[in-house]
Amino acid sequence: MEARLAEPISVEFRDAPLDQVIGFVRASTGVNIDVRWRRLEEAGVARDAPVELILKNVPAGVVLRRALQQVSTEFEPIDYAIEAGIVTTSTRDELGRRMVTRVYDVRGDLMPIRDFNDAPELDVNQLLSVTSDGAPGDLFEEAEDEPDVPTRAERVQRLIDLIRTMILDREGA
């Protein structure tokens, strides 16, 4: 569904009714669009709400989202979500109630990553030189102490903060 909604389309709607715009996107992409008309009408959005939209070669999902933004009310934003191969159009409040669980492997993000910027340097001249007791010189220069590596708890907290930031940015909160 996401790939189909990413395909570019061109539209020229001048006071076109919302149901006609949704029908055009449905026909252009072949996606299943479930419009929760009763919920939209409760939110003050009618099927014949006028849409003014002139766009060339933009993803079909952008066309749909822009049309829905135009008919949204101040207190009831309208949006869409993809679930089980169906594009559902309703209020953000209703769409937000549908919990989606995604699992990501973050073990690699929790492992400490060492900083090798201060690794010892090989001194060939020192290696080739001989000390007064006949032993070869010290092969490596002294490396500086390793910088503080964040603890596992600190890395976990950074990951939690990153996830919260990404979700809040996506939801516009």
N, C-alpha and C. Protein backbone atom coordinates (compact mmCIF):
# COMPACT_ATOMS: atom_id res chain seq x y z
N MET A 1 0.81 -1.19 0.00
CA MET A 1 0.00 0.00 0.00
C MET A 1 0.86 1.27 0.00
N GLU A 2 1.90 1.23 0.82
CA GLU A 2 2.76 2.41 0.89
C GLU A 2 3.43 2.68 -0.44
N ALA A 3 3.82 1.63 -1.15
CA ALA A 3 4.45 1.81 -2.46
C ALA A 3 3.47 2.41 -3.46
N ARG A 4 2.24 1.96 -3.41
CA ARG A 4 1.23 2.51 -4.34
C ARG A 4 0.94 3.97 -4.02
N LEU A 5 0.89 4.30 -2.74
CA LEU A 5 0.63 5.69 -2.35
C LEU A 5 1.84 6.58 -2.61
N ALA A 6 2.99 5.98 -2.83
CA ALA A 6 4.20 6.75 -3.14
C ALA A 6 4.31 7.07 -4.63
N GLU A 7 3.49 6.42 -5.46
CA GLU A 7 3.54 6.66 -6.90
C GLU A 7 3.01 8.07 -7.20
N PRO A 8 3.71 8.79 -8.09
CA PRO A 8 3.29 10.17 -8.37
C PRO A 8 2.03 10.23 -9.25
N ILE A 9 1.17 11.18 -8.92
CA ILE A 9 -0.01 11.47 -9.73
C ILE A 9 -0.13 12.98 -9.84
N SER A 10 -0.93 13.44 -10.79
CA SER A 10 -1.22 14.86 -10.95
C SER A 10 -2.72 15.04 -10.79
N VAL A 11 -3.11 16.11 -10.11
CA VAL A 11 -4.54 16.37 -9.88
C VAL A 11 -4.84 17.84 -10.11
N GLU A 12 -6.08 18.08 -10.50
CA GLU A 12 -6.57 19.45 -10.61
C GLU A 12 -8.03 19.45 -10.15
N PHE A 13 -8.20 19.71 -8.87
CA PHE A 13 -9.53 19.75 -8.28
C PHE A 13 -9.87 21.19 -7.94
N ARG A 14 -11.01 21.63 -8.43
CA ARG A 14 -11.50 22.98 -8.11
C ARG A 14 -12.89 22.82 -7.50
N ASP A 15 -12.94 22.96 -6.19
CA ASP A 15 -14.18 22.77 -5.44
C ASP A 15 -14.79 21.39 -5.69
N ALA A 16 -13.94 20.39 -5.79
CA ALA A 16 -14.41 19.01 -5.98
C ALA A 16 -14.86 18.45 -4.63
N PRO A 17 -15.93 17.68 -4.61
CA PRO A 17 -16.37 17.08 -3.34
C PRO A 17 -15.33 16.06 -2.84
N LEU A 18 -15.20 15.99 -1.53
CA LEU A 18 -14.22 15.11 -0.92
C LEU A 18 -14.37 13.67 -1.40
N ASP A 19 -15.60 13.16 -1.48
CA ASP A 19 -15.76 11.77 -1.91
C ASP A 19 -15.26 11.55 -3.33
N GLN A 20 -15.33 12.56 -4.19
CA GLN A 20 -14.81 12.45 -5.56
C GLN A 20 -13.27 12.41 -5.53
N VAL A 21 -12.66 13.22 -4.69
CA VAL A 21 -11.19 13.23 -4.57
C VAL A 21 -10.70 11.87 -4.07
N ILE A 22 -11.35 11.35 -3.04
CA ILE A 22 -10.96 10.04 -2.52
C ILE A 22 -11.17 8.97 -3.58
N GLY A 23 -12.25 9.05 -4.33
CA GLY A 23 -12.50 8.09 -5.40
C GLY A 23 -11.43 8.16 -6.49
N PHE A 24 -10.95 9.37 -6.79
CA PHE A 24 -9.89 9.52 -7.79
C PHE A 24 -8.60 8.87 -7.31
N VAL A 25 -8.24 9.11 -6.04
CA VAL A 25 -7.02 8.50 -5.49
C VAL A 25 -7.17 6.99 -5.49
N ARG A 26 -8.33 6.50 -5.11
CA ARG A 26 -8.60 5.05 -5.10
C ARG A 26 -8.42 4.47 -6.50
N ALA A 27 -9.00 5.13 -7.51
CA ALA A 27 -8.92 4.63 -8.88
C ALA A 27 -7.51 4.76 -9.45
N SER A 28 -6.80 5.82 -9.11
CA SER A 28 -5.45 6.05 -9.64
C SER A 28 -4.43 5.08 -9.09
N THR A 29 -4.63 4.65 -7.85
CA THR A 29 -3.62 3.81 -7.19
C THR A 29 -4.04 2.34 -7.08
N GLY A 30 -5.33 2.09 -7.11
CA GLY A 30 -5.82 0.73 -6.91
C GLY A 30 -5.82 0.30 -5.46
N VAL A 31 -5.64 1.24 -4.54
CA VAL A 31 -5.64 0.88 -3.11
C VAL A 31 -7.06 0.79 -2.57
N ASN A 32 -7.23 -0.02 -1.56
CA ASN A 32 -8.51 -0.10 -0.85
C ASN A 32 -8.55 1.04 0.15
N ILE A 33 -9.54 1.90 0.02
CA ILE A 33 -9.69 3.02 0.95
C ILE A 33 -11.01 2.86 1.68
N ASP A 34 -10.93 2.72 2.98
CA ASP A 34 -12.10 2.61 3.85
C ASP A 34 -12.31 3.97 4.48
N VAL A 35 -13.37 4.65 4.06
CA VAL A 35 -13.66 5.98 4.60
C VAL A 35 -14.71 5.82 5.69
N ARG A 36 -14.39 6.25 6.87
CA ARG A 36 -15.32 6.19 8.00
C ARG A 36 -16.23 7.41 7.94
N TRP A 37 -17.19 7.40 6.99
CA TRP A 37 -18.03 8.57 6.75
C TRP A 37 -18.81 8.99 7.99
N ARG A 38 -19.33 8.04 8.74
CA ARG A 38 -20.10 8.40 9.92
C ARG A 38 -19.23 9.19 10.91
N ARG A 39 -18.01 8.72 11.11
CA ARG A 39 -17.09 9.40 12.04
C ARG A 39 -16.71 10.78 11.50
N LEU A 40 -16.49 10.88 10.17
CA LEU A 40 -16.16 12.17 9.57
C LEU A 40 -17.32 13.15 9.72
N GLU A 41 -18.54 12.66 9.49
CA GLU A 41 -19.71 13.53 9.62
C GLU A 41 -19.90 13.98 11.06
N GLU A 42 -19.64 13.09 12.03
CA GLU A 42 -19.70 13.49 13.44
C GLU A 42 -18.68 14.57 13.75
N ALA A 43 -17.57 14.56 13.01
CA ALA A 43 -16.52 15.57 13.21
C ALA A 43 -16.80 16.84 12.41
N GLY A 44 -17.91 16.87 11.67
CA GLY A 44 -18.26 18.07 10.92
C GLY A 44 -17.75 18.10 9.49
N VAL A 45 -17.36 16.94 8.97
CA VAL A 45 -16.84 16.86 7.60
C VAL A 45 -17.84 16.08 6.75
N ALA A 46 -18.40 16.77 5.74
CA ALA A 46 -19.40 16.14 4.86
C ALA A 46 -18.73 15.51 3.65
N ARG A 47 -19.45 14.57 3.03
CA ARG A 47 -18.95 13.92 1.82
C ARG A 47 -18.68 14.94 0.71
N ASP A 48 -19.50 15.97 0.69
CA ASP A 48 -19.38 16.95 -0.39
C ASP A 48 -18.55 18.17 0.01
N ALA A 49 -17.75 18.03 1.07
CA ALA A 49 -16.87 19.14 1.49
C ALA A 49 -15.96 19.49 0.31
N PRO A 50 -15.86 20.77 -0.05
CA PRO A 50 -15.09 21.15 -1.23
C PRO A 50 -13.58 21.07 -1.02
N VAL A 51 -12.90 20.58 -2.07
CA VAL A 51 -11.45 20.46 -2.05
C VAL A 51 -10.89 21.23 -3.24
N GLU A 52 -9.94 22.08 -2.98
CA GLU A 52 -9.23 22.85 -4.02
C GLU A 52 -7.79 22.38 -4.00
N LEU A 53 -7.37 21.67 -5.03
CA LEU A 53 -6.03 21.07 -5.00
C LEU A 53 -5.52 20.92 -6.43
N ILE A 54 -4.41 21.60 -6.71
CA ILE A 54 -3.77 21.49 -8.03
C ILE A 54 -2.32 21.12 -7.78
N LEU A 55 -1.97 19.88 -8.09
CA LEU A 55 -0.62 19.37 -7.85
C LEU A 55 -0.17 18.52 -9.03
N LYS A 56 1.11 18.59 -9.33
CA LYS A 56 1.66 17.81 -10.45
C LYS A 56 2.77 16.89 -9.95
N ASN A 57 2.65 15.62 -10.33
CA ASN A 57 3.67 14.61 -10.04
C ASN A 57 4.07 14.55 -8.57
N VAL A 58 3.10 14.40 -7.71
CA VAL A 58 3.37 14.22 -6.28
C VAL A 58 2.84 12.85 -5.87
N PRO A 59 3.39 12.28 -4.82
CA PRO A 59 2.88 10.98 -4.36
C PRO A 59 1.38 11.03 -4.07
N ALA A 60 0.69 9.97 -4.43
CA ALA A 60 -0.76 9.90 -4.22
C ALA A 60 -1.11 10.10 -2.74
N GLY A 61 -0.26 9.60 -1.85
CA GLY A 61 -0.50 9.78 -0.42
C GLY A 61 -0.49 11.25 -0.03
N VAL A 62 0.34 12.05 -0.68
CA VAL A 62 0.37 13.49 -0.40
C VAL A 62 -0.94 14.12 -0.87
N VAL A 63 -1.42 13.72 -2.03
CA VAL A 63 -2.71 14.24 -2.52
C VAL A 63 -3.81 13.93 -1.52
N LEU A 64 -3.87 12.68 -1.07
CA LEU A 64 -4.90 12.29 -0.12
C LEU A 64 -4.77 13.07 1.18
N ARG A 65 -3.56 13.14 1.71
CA ARG A 65 -3.35 13.84 2.99
C ARG A 65 -3.70 15.33 2.87
N ARG A 66 -3.30 15.98 1.77
CA ARG A 66 -3.61 17.41 1.58
C ARG A 66 -5.11 17.65 1.46
N ALA A 67 -5.79 16.76 0.76
CA ALA A 67 -7.24 16.89 0.65
C ALA A 67 -7.90 16.76 2.02
N LEU A 68 -7.43 15.80 2.80
CA LEU A 68 -7.99 15.59 4.13
C LEU A 68 -7.68 16.77 5.05
N GLN A 69 -6.51 17.36 4.90
CA GLN A 69 -6.17 18.53 5.70
C GLN A 69 -7.10 19.70 5.39
N GLN A 70 -7.46 19.85 4.12
CA GLN A 70 -8.33 20.95 3.74
C GLN A 70 -9.71 20.85 4.36
N VAL A 71 -10.21 19.64 4.52
CA VAL A 71 -11.56 19.48 5.06
C VAL A 71 -11.57 19.29 6.57
N SER A 72 -10.40 19.17 7.17
CA SER A 72 -10.31 18.99 8.62
C SER A 72 -10.86 20.22 9.34
N THR A 73 -11.41 19.95 10.51
CA THR A 73 -11.84 21.06 11.35
C THR A 73 -10.72 21.37 12.34
N GLU A 74 -10.82 22.49 12.97
CA GLU A 74 -9.77 22.91 13.90
C GLU A 74 -9.57 21.90 15.03
N PHE A 75 -10.67 21.33 15.51
CA PHE A 75 -10.57 20.43 16.65
C PHE A 75 -10.59 18.96 16.28
N GLU A 76 -10.88 18.65 15.02
CA GLU A 76 -10.93 17.26 14.57
C GLU A 76 -10.14 17.09 13.29
N PRO A 77 -8.81 16.98 13.37
CA PRO A 77 -8.04 16.75 12.15
C PRO A 77 -8.36 15.38 11.55
N ILE A 78 -8.42 15.36 10.22
CA ILE A 78 -8.71 14.14 9.48
C ILE A 78 -7.41 13.64 8.87
N ASP A 79 -7.22 12.32 8.87
CA ASP A 79 -5.99 11.75 8.34
C ASP A 79 -6.28 10.34 7.85
N TYR A 80 -5.22 9.65 7.45
CA TYR A 80 -5.37 8.26 7.08
C TYR A 80 -4.26 7.43 7.69
N ALA A 81 -4.53 6.13 7.80
CA ALA A 81 -3.54 5.19 8.30
C ALA A 81 -3.67 3.91 7.49
N ILE A 82 -2.56 3.20 7.37
CA ILE A 82 -2.55 1.95 6.62
C ILE A 82 -2.49 0.80 7.62
N GLU A 83 -3.43 -0.12 7.46
CA GLU A 83 -3.48 -1.28 8.35
C GLU A 83 -4.00 -2.48 7.56
N ALA A 84 -3.24 -3.54 7.56
CA ALA A 84 -3.62 -4.79 6.92
C ALA A 84 -4.00 -4.60 5.45
N GLY A 85 -3.25 -3.74 4.76
CA GLY A 85 -3.47 -3.54 3.33
C GLY A 85 -4.65 -2.65 3.00
N ILE A 86 -5.18 -1.96 3.98
CA ILE A 86 -6.32 -1.07 3.76
C ILE A 86 -5.95 0.33 4.25
N VAL A 87 -6.28 1.34 3.45
CA VAL A 87 -6.08 2.73 3.85
C VAL A 87 -7.38 3.17 4.54
N THR A 88 -7.29 3.46 5.82
CA THR A 88 -8.47 3.88 6.57
C THR A 88 -8.41 5.39 6.77
N THR A 89 -9.49 6.07 6.41
CA THR A 89 -9.59 7.52 6.55
C THR A 89 -10.59 7.83 7.65
N SER A 90 -10.12 8.60 8.64
CA SER A 90 -10.98 8.95 9.76
C SER A 90 -10.36 10.12 10.50
N THR A 91 -10.87 10.39 11.70
CA THR A 91 -10.27 11.42 12.53
C THR A 91 -8.97 10.89 13.12
N ARG A 92 -8.05 11.78 13.40
CA ARG A 92 -6.79 11.35 14.02
C ARG A 92 -7.04 10.70 15.36
N ASP A 93 -8.06 11.19 16.04
CA ASP A 93 -8.39 10.61 17.34
C ASP A 93 -8.74 9.13 17.19
N GLU A 94 -9.59 8.81 16.25
CA GLU A 94 -9.95 7.40 16.04
C GLU A 94 -8.76 6.59 15.55
N LEU A 95 -8.00 7.15 14.61
CA LEU A 95 -6.84 6.42 14.08
C LEU A 95 -5.80 6.20 15.16
N GLY A 96 -5.67 7.15 16.08
CA GLY A 96 -4.69 7.03 17.15
C GLY A 96 -5.02 5.95 18.16
N ARG A 97 -6.27 5.56 18.22
CA ARG A 97 -6.68 4.51 19.15
C ARG A 97 -6.26 3.13 18.69
N ARG A 98 -5.95 3.02 17.43
CA ARG A 98 -5.50 1.73 16.90
C ARG A 98 -4.02 1.59 17.18
N MET A 99 -3.70 0.75 18.10
CA MET A 99 -2.30 0.59 18.48
C MET A 99 -1.59 -0.30 17.47
N VAL A 100 -0.45 0.15 17.07
CA VAL A 100 0.38 -0.62 16.16
C VAL A 100 1.66 -0.96 16.91
N THR A 101 1.98 -2.23 16.95
CA THR A 101 3.19 -2.67 17.63
C THR A 101 4.25 -2.99 16.59
N ARG A 102 5.39 -2.37 16.73
CA ARG A 102 6.52 -2.66 15.85
C ARG A 102 7.68 -3.08 16.73
N VAL A 103 8.41 -4.05 16.28
CA VAL A 103 9.55 -4.56 17.04
C VAL A 103 10.82 -4.26 16.26
N TYR A 104 11.77 -3.66 16.92
CA TYR A 104 13.06 -3.34 16.32
C TYR A 104 14.17 -3.97 17.15
N ASP A 105 15.15 -4.51 16.48
CA ASP A 105 16.30 -5.07 17.17
C ASP A 105 17.25 -3.92 17.49
N VAL A 106 17.37 -3.57 18.76
CA VAL A 106 18.21 -2.44 19.17
C VAL A 106 19.44 -2.90 19.94
N ARG A 107 19.70 -4.19 19.92
CA ARG A 107 20.87 -4.68 20.67
C ARG A 107 22.14 -3.99 20.23
N GLY A 108 22.29 -3.77 18.93
CA GLY A 108 23.49 -3.10 18.43
C GLY A 108 23.60 -1.68 18.93
N ASP A 109 22.46 -1.02 19.18
CA ASP A 109 22.48 0.35 19.69
C ASP A 109 22.82 0.41 21.17
N LEU A 110 22.73 -0.70 21.84
CA LEU A 110 23.01 -0.72 23.28
C LEU A 110 24.44 -1.16 23.59
N MET A 111 25.15 -1.62 22.58
CA MET A 111 26.54 -2.04 22.80
C MET A 111 27.44 -0.82 22.85
N PRO A 112 28.43 -0.83 23.73
CA PRO A 112 29.35 0.31 23.77
C PRO A 112 30.22 0.32 22.51
N ILE A 113 30.43 1.48 21.97
CA ILE A 113 31.29 1.63 20.81
C ILE A 113 32.52 2.39 21.26
N ARG A 114 33.65 1.74 21.12
CA ARG A 114 34.89 2.35 21.58
C ARG A 114 35.34 3.40 20.58
N ASP A 115 35.97 4.42 21.10
CA ASP A 115 36.52 5.49 20.28
C ASP A 115 38.00 5.18 20.05
N PHE A 116 38.36 4.94 18.81
CA PHE A 116 39.73 4.60 18.49
C PHE A 116 40.51 5.78 17.90
N ASN A 117 40.04 6.99 18.16
CA ASN A 117 40.75 8.17 17.67
C ASN A 117 42.11 8.33 18.34
N ASP A 118 42.23 7.85 19.56
CA ASP A 118 43.47 8.01 20.31
C ASP A 118 44.23 6.69 20.40
N ALA A 119 44.16 5.87 19.37
CA ALA A 119 44.88 4.60 19.38
C ALA A 119 46.38 4.87 19.34
N PRO A 120 47.17 3.98 19.90
CA PRO A 120 48.62 4.19 19.90
C PRO A 120 49.17 4.20 18.48
N GLU A 121 50.25 4.95 18.29
CA GLU A 121 50.88 5.02 16.98
C GLU A 121 52.14 4.15 17.00
N LEU A 122 52.36 3.47 15.91
CA LEU A 122 53.53 2.62 15.77
C LEU A 122 54.72 3.50 15.39
N ASP A 123 55.77 3.45 16.19
CA ASP A 123 56.98 4.24 15.93
C ASP A 123 58.07 3.30 15.44
N VAL A 124 58.24 3.21 14.12
CA VAL A 124 59.19 2.30 13.51
C VAL A 124 60.62 2.66 13.91
N ASN A 125 60.94 3.94 13.97
CA ASN A 125 62.29 4.36 14.37
C ASN A 125 62.62 3.87 15.77
N GLN A 126 61.66 3.94 16.64
CA GLN A 126 61.88 3.49 18.01
C GLN A 126 62.08 1.98 18.03
N LEU A 127 61.34 1.27 17.16
CA LEU A 127 61.46 -0.18 17.08
C LEU A 127 62.87 -0.58 16.62
N LEU A 128 63.39 0.16 15.66
CA LEU A 128 64.70 -0.17 15.10
C LEU A 128 65.86 0.25 16.00
N SER A 129 65.60 1.17 16.90
CA SER A 129 66.68 1.61 17.80
C SER A 129 66.88 0.59 18.91
N VAL A 130 68.03 0.57 19.44
CA VAL A 130 68.36 -0.37 20.50
C VAL A 130 68.70 0.45 21.74
N THR A 131 68.19 0.02 22.86
CA THR A 131 68.48 0.72 24.11
C THR A 131 69.86 0.35 24.60
N SER A 132 70.31 1.00 25.65
CA SER A 132 71.67 0.79 26.16
C SER A 132 71.88 -0.64 26.66
N ASP A 133 70.82 -1.32 27.03
CA ASP A 133 71.00 -2.69 27.50
C ASP A 133 70.84 -3.71 26.37
N GLY A 134 70.73 -3.21 25.11
CA GLY A 134 70.66 -4.10 23.96
C GLY A 134 69.26 -4.54 23.60
N ALA A 135 68.26 -4.14 24.37
CA ALA A 135 66.87 -4.53 24.08
C ALA A 135 66.28 -3.55 23.07
N PRO A 136 65.34 -4.01 22.26
CA PRO A 136 64.72 -3.08 21.31
C PRO A 136 63.92 -2.03 22.06
N GLY A 137 63.71 -0.89 21.41
CA GLY A 137 62.95 0.21 22.02
C GLY A 137 61.47 -0.13 22.13
N ASP A 138 60.72 0.74 22.79
CA ASP A 138 59.27 0.55 22.97
C ASP A 138 58.58 0.72 21.62
N LEU A 139 57.80 -0.25 21.25
CA LEU A 139 57.17 -0.28 19.93
C LEU A 139 56.07 0.77 19.78
N PHE A 140 55.32 1.03 20.85
CA PHE A 140 54.18 1.94 20.75
C PHE A 140 54.39 3.16 21.63
N GLU A 141 53.83 4.30 21.13
CA GLU A 141 53.78 5.49 21.98
C GLU A 141 52.62 5.28 22.94
N GLU A 142 52.67 5.94 24.05
CA GLU A 142 51.59 5.81 25.02
C GLU A 142 50.31 6.43 24.47
N ALA A 143 49.22 5.69 24.55
CA ALA A 143 47.92 6.23 24.16
C ALA A 143 47.32 6.95 25.35
N GLU A 144 46.52 7.95 25.02
CA GLU A 144 45.84 8.67 26.09
C GLU A 144 44.79 7.75 26.70
N ASP A 145 44.37 8.08 27.92
CA ASP A 145 43.33 7.29 28.56
C ASP A 145 42.07 7.31 27.70
N GLU A 146 41.35 6.19 27.74
CA GLU A 146 40.12 6.09 26.97
C GLU A 146 39.08 7.04 27.58
N PRO A 147 38.36 7.77 26.72
CA PRO A 147 37.34 8.67 27.26
C PRO A 147 36.24 7.86 27.95
N ASP A 148 35.47 8.54 28.76
CA ASP A 148 34.38 7.87 29.47
C ASP A 148 33.40 7.27 28.47
N VAL A 149 33.13 5.99 28.64
CA VAL A 149 32.16 5.29 27.80
C VAL A 149 30.84 5.29 28.57
N PRO A 150 29.74 5.68 27.90
CA PRO A 150 28.46 5.70 28.60
C PRO A 150 28.09 4.31 29.14
N THR A 151 27.47 4.30 30.29
CA THR A 151 27.02 3.04 30.86
C THR A 151 25.85 2.50 30.05
N ARG A 152 25.53 1.25 30.28
CA ARG A 152 24.38 0.66 29.59
C ARG A 152 23.10 1.43 29.90
N ALA A 153 22.94 1.81 31.14
CA ALA A 153 21.74 2.57 31.53
C ALA A 153 21.67 3.90 30.77
N GLU A 154 22.80 4.56 30.60
CA GLU A 154 22.83 5.82 29.86
C GLU A 154 22.50 5.60 28.38
N ARG A 155 23.01 4.50 27.81
CA ARG A 155 22.71 4.20 26.41
C ARG A 155 21.23 3.87 26.23
N VAL A 156 20.66 3.14 27.18
CA VAL A 156 19.23 2.82 27.13
C VAL A 156 18.42 4.10 27.21
N GLN A 157 18.80 5.00 28.10
CA GLN A 157 18.06 6.25 28.26
C GLN A 157 18.14 7.10 26.98
N ARG A 158 19.31 7.13 26.34
CA ARG A 158 19.45 7.87 25.07
C ARG A 158 18.52 7.28 24.00
N LEU A 159 18.43 5.96 23.96
CA LEU A 159 17.56 5.30 22.99
C LEU A 159 16.09 5.63 23.27
N ILE A 160 15.70 5.60 24.52
CA ILE A 160 14.32 5.95 24.89
C ILE A 160 14.02 7.39 24.50
N ASP A 161 14.94 8.30 24.78
CA ASP A 161 14.76 9.71 24.42
C ASP A 161 14.63 9.88 22.91
N LEU A 162 15.44 9.15 22.15
CA LEU A 162 15.38 9.21 20.69
C LEU A 162 14.02 8.74 20.18
N ILE A 163 13.53 7.63 20.72
CA ILE A 163 12.24 7.10 20.29
C ILE A 163 11.13 8.09 20.63
N ARG A 164 11.15 8.63 21.84
CA ARG A 164 10.11 9.61 22.22
C ARG A 164 10.15 10.82 21.31
N THR A 165 11.33 11.32 21.00
CA THR A 165 11.46 12.48 20.13
C THR A 165 10.90 12.18 18.75
N MET A 166 11.21 11.00 18.21
CA MET A 166 10.74 10.64 16.89
C MET A 166 9.22 10.50 16.85
N ILE A 167 8.64 9.94 17.89
CA ILE A 167 7.18 9.77 17.93
C ILE A 167 6.51 11.12 18.09
N LEU A 168 7.01 11.96 18.95
CA LEU A 168 6.41 13.28 19.14
C LEU A 168 6.52 14.13 17.89
N ASP A 169 7.66 14.05 17.19
CA ASP A 169 7.82 14.80 15.94
C ASP A 169 6.84 14.30 14.89
N ARG A 170 6.66 12.98 14.79
CA ARG A 170 5.77 12.41 13.79
C ARG A 170 4.32 12.78 14.06
N GLU A 171 3.94 12.81 15.35
CA GLU A 171 2.56 13.10 15.70
C GLU A 171 2.29 14.59 15.77
N GLY A 172 3.34 15.39 15.69
CA GLY A 172 3.16 16.84 15.72
C GLY A 172 2.81 17.36 17.09
N ALA A 173 3.11 16.61 18.13
CA ALA A 173 2.76 17.04 19.49
C ALA A 173 3.84 17.94 20.05
